[in-house]
Amino acid sequence: MKLVVGLGNPGTEYENTRHNTGRILVGLIEKKLDKENNKQKIKFLTPDTFMNNSGRAVVPLVKSKKDLKDLVVIYDDIDLPIGKMKISFNRSSGGHNGLQSIIKALKSEEFLRIRIGIAPRAPSGKIKKPKGEKAVINFILGEFKKPELETIKKLSKTVVLALETIFAESKEKAMSLYN
């Protein structure tokens, strides 16, 4: 069984925050893939644990190397501009606590990630990332503005295509098409 995990925090107060990008996308993706009557069995998970304890929710569902190969984690990335995504495999957490929790619980980095950009852009097109730990925390726990949320919703179509490619063909093909 394929497992797609959308990282975020439970509770209505976090619902539309940037740090809940994974949860938001899994909600959108699940609807789209269900409509298409996908032949592959895919389980979608939005952990009821808080972000920093995501590993607790994932580890009971990943019991073997095969399960690990069929795991895709979707999460926010402040180092990518909003509306962009990057598929990666067997990498470190890059400082993302939710991902670090999963890596620690699974004792492995050998699974796919789909990183979703949340950083705003300056008029020049460069990423305009907040500076300082407090500013970063306030930014990621802040709510998306309406146009930002629309951008994330549009990106969900590409994420669906990437997941279909990952599961029907290979992660390498998906990376070459969507990175």
Protein backbone atom coordinates (compact mmCIF):
# COMPACT_ATOMS: atom_id res chain seq x y z
CA MET A 1 0.00 0.00 0.00
CA LYS A 2 1.22 3.49 -0.86
CA LEU A 3 1.27 6.01 1.99
CA VAL A 4 1.07 9.78 1.45
CA VAL A 5 1.59 11.84 4.60
CA GLY A 6 0.76 15.55 4.83
CA LEU A 7 2.58 17.27 7.67
CA GLY A 8 1.00 19.95 9.82
CA ASN A 9 -0.57 20.59 13.17
CA PRO A 10 -4.05 19.43 14.24
CA GLY A 11 -6.71 21.91 15.31
CA THR A 12 -8.69 24.69 13.69
CA GLU A 13 -6.27 27.38 14.89
CA TYR A 14 -3.61 25.91 12.56
CA GLU A 15 -5.91 25.05 9.66
CA ASN A 16 -4.72 27.58 7.05
CA THR A 17 -1.22 28.24 8.36
CA ARG A 18 1.83 27.90 6.16
CA HIS A 19 3.16 25.13 8.41
CA ASN A 20 0.04 23.10 7.53
CA THR A 21 0.81 23.09 3.81
CA GLY A 22 1.25 19.30 3.80
CA ARG A 23 -2.13 18.74 5.46
CA ILE A 24 -3.82 21.21 3.12
CA LEU A 25 -2.38 19.51 0.04
CA VAL A 26 -3.21 15.99 1.18
CA GLY A 27 -6.83 17.09 1.64
CA LEU A 28 -6.91 18.42 -1.94
CA ILE A 29 -4.98 15.50 -3.44
CA GLU A 30 -7.07 12.82 -1.74
CA LYS A 31 -10.24 14.24 -3.32
CA LYS A 32 -8.67 14.37 -6.78
CA LEU A 33 -7.17 10.87 -6.69
CA ASP A 34 -10.37 9.35 -5.27
CA LYS A 35 -12.38 10.88 -8.15
CA GLU A 36 -10.07 9.28 -10.68
CA ASN A 37 -10.71 5.80 -9.22
CA ASN A 38 -7.04 5.11 -8.93
CA LYS A 39 -6.17 1.41 -9.31
CA GLN A 40 -3.40 1.66 -6.75
CA LYS A 41 -4.27 1.47 -3.08
CA ILE A 42 -3.17 4.74 -1.53
CA LYS A 43 -3.58 5.62 2.13
CA PHE A 44 -3.57 9.31 3.03
CA LEU A 45 -2.48 10.40 6.49
CA THR A 46 -2.64 13.76 8.20
CA PRO A 47 -1.18 12.98 11.62
CA ASP A 48 -3.18 13.97 14.70
CA THR A 49 0.13 14.57 16.45
CA PHE A 50 1.73 17.99 16.43
CA MET A 51 4.37 18.60 13.77
CA ASN A 52 7.36 17.82 16.00
CA ASN A 53 5.91 14.38 16.82
CA SER A 54 4.92 13.33 13.29
CA GLY A 55 7.11 10.23 13.49
CA ARG A 56 4.80 8.71 16.12
CA ALA A 57 1.92 8.70 13.64
CA VAL A 58 3.95 7.40 10.68
CA VAL A 59 6.01 4.60 12.26
CA PRO A 60 3.08 2.17 12.89
CA LEU A 61 2.26 2.26 9.15
CA VAL A 62 5.82 1.70 7.90
CA LYS A 63 6.91 -1.78 8.97
CA SER A 64 9.27 -2.84 6.19
CA LYS A 65 11.72 -1.62 3.54
CA LYS A 66 8.91 -1.96 0.97
CA ASP A 67 6.65 0.26 3.09
CA LEU A 68 9.50 2.77 3.28
CA LYS A 69 9.79 2.79 -0.53
CA ASP A 70 6.05 3.49 -0.79
CA LEU A 71 6.14 6.45 1.62
CA VAL A 72 5.79 10.03 0.37
CA VAL A 73 5.85 12.92 2.86
CA ILE A 74 4.50 16.33 1.79
CA TYR A 75 5.51 19.37 3.80
CA ASP A 76 6.20 23.11 3.76
CA ASP A 77 9.62 24.46 2.80
CA ILE A 78 10.56 28.05 3.58
CA ASP A 79 13.59 27.77 1.28
CA LEU A 80 11.39 27.43 -1.83
CA PRO A 81 9.19 30.18 -3.29
CA ILE A 82 5.45 29.81 -2.96
CA GLY A 83 3.96 27.82 -5.81
CA LYS A 84 7.08 25.72 -6.38
CA MET A 85 7.68 22.12 -5.37
CA LYS A 86 10.69 19.86 -5.26
CA ILE A 87 10.75 16.08 -5.02
CA SER A 88 13.68 14.64 -3.11
CA PHE A 89 14.77 11.26 -1.79
CA ASN A 90 17.13 10.07 0.95
CA ARG A 91 18.01 13.55 2.22
CA SER A 92 18.34 15.10 5.65
CA SER A 93 15.50 16.99 7.31
CA GLY A 94 16.98 20.34 6.32
CA GLY A 95 15.98 21.66 9.74
CA HIS A 96 12.29 20.73 9.39
CA ASN A 97 11.25 19.33 12.77
CA GLY A 98 8.32 17.27 11.47
CA LEU A 99 10.51 15.56 8.92
CA GLN A 100 13.25 15.06 11.51
CA SER A 101 10.72 13.33 13.78
CA ILE A 102 9.83 10.90 10.96
CA ILE A 103 13.49 10.22 10.11
CA LYS A 104 14.26 9.53 13.77
CA ALA A 105 11.22 7.26 14.26
CA LEU A 106 11.87 5.27 11.07
CA LYS A 107 15.66 5.27 11.58
CA SER A 108 15.98 6.05 7.88
CA GLU A 109 16.06 8.91 5.38
CA GLU A 110 15.25 6.55 2.49
CA PHE A 111 11.81 7.82 1.55
CA LEU A 112 10.38 10.40 -0.85
CA ARG A 113 9.52 13.93 0.08
CA ILE A 114 7.58 16.56 -1.80
CA ARG A 115 8.68 19.92 -0.50
CA ILE A 116 6.20 22.73 -1.08
CA GLY A 117 7.46 26.29 -1.21
CA ILE A 118 5.90 28.83 1.14
CA ALA A 119 8.37 31.74 0.91
CA PRO A 120 7.17 35.01 -0.63
CA ARG A 121 9.05 36.60 -3.49
CA ALA A 122 10.39 40.12 -3.70
CA PRO A 123 9.41 42.14 -6.81
CA SER A 124 12.80 41.12 -8.25
CA GLY A 125 11.70 37.45 -8.05
CA LYS A 126 14.13 36.51 -5.27
CA ILE A 127 12.89 34.65 -2.20
CA LYS A 128 12.01 37.03 0.64
CA LYS A 129 12.60 34.79 3.65
CA PRO A 130 12.04 36.16 7.17
CA LYS A 131 15.22 36.69 9.19
CA GLY A 132 15.70 35.42 12.73
CA GLU A 133 14.18 32.44 14.51
CA LYS A 134 11.21 34.35 15.96
CA ALA A 135 10.35 35.92 12.59
CA VAL A 136 10.52 32.50 10.89
CA ILE A 137 8.26 30.89 13.52
CA ASN A 138 5.74 33.74 13.26
CA PHE A 139 5.80 33.44 9.46
CA ILE A 140 5.30 29.67 9.25
CA LEU A 141 2.59 29.71 11.92
CA GLY A 142 0.90 32.65 10.19
CA GLU A 143 -2.11 32.10 7.97
CA PHE A 144 -1.88 32.06 4.21
CA LYS A 145 -3.23 35.14 2.47
CA LYS A 146 -6.07 34.32 0.07
CA PRO A 147 -3.91 34.60 -3.12
CA GLU A 148 -1.24 32.38 -1.51
CA LEU A 149 -3.83 29.72 -0.69
CA GLU A 150 -5.07 29.87 -4.30
CA THR A 151 -1.48 29.31 -5.47
CA ILE A 152 -1.23 26.22 -3.23
CA LYS A 153 -4.56 24.93 -4.58
CA LYS A 154 -3.32 25.34 -8.18
CA LEU A 155 -0.08 23.56 -7.30
CA SER A 156 -2.10 20.58 -6.02
CA LYS A 157 -2.80 19.59 -9.65
CA THR A 158 0.94 19.25 -10.30
CA VAL A 159 1.44 17.34 -7.05
CA VAL A 160 -1.28 14.88 -8.15
CA LEU A 161 0.52 14.35 -11.48
CA ALA A 162 3.82 13.87 -9.66
CA LEU A 163 2.30 11.29 -7.29
CA GLU A 164 0.71 9.41 -10.19
CA THR A 165 4.11 9.32 -11.91
CA ILE A 166 5.87 8.19 -8.73
CA PHE A 167 3.42 5.34 -8.12
CA ALA A 168 2.85 4.25 -11.74
CA GLU A 169 6.39 4.69 -13.08
CA SER A 170 9.23 5.78 -10.76
CA LYS A 171 10.52 8.46 -8.44
CA GLU A 172 13.31 9.20 -10.93
CA LYS A 173 10.83 9.90 -13.72
CA ALA A 174 8.78 12.15 -11.42
CA MET A 175 11.91 14.05 -10.38
CA SER A 176 12.96 14.57 -13.99
CA LEU A 177 9.49 15.83 -14.96
CA TYR A 178 8.56 17.96 -11.94
CA ASN A 179 11.80 19.27 -10.37
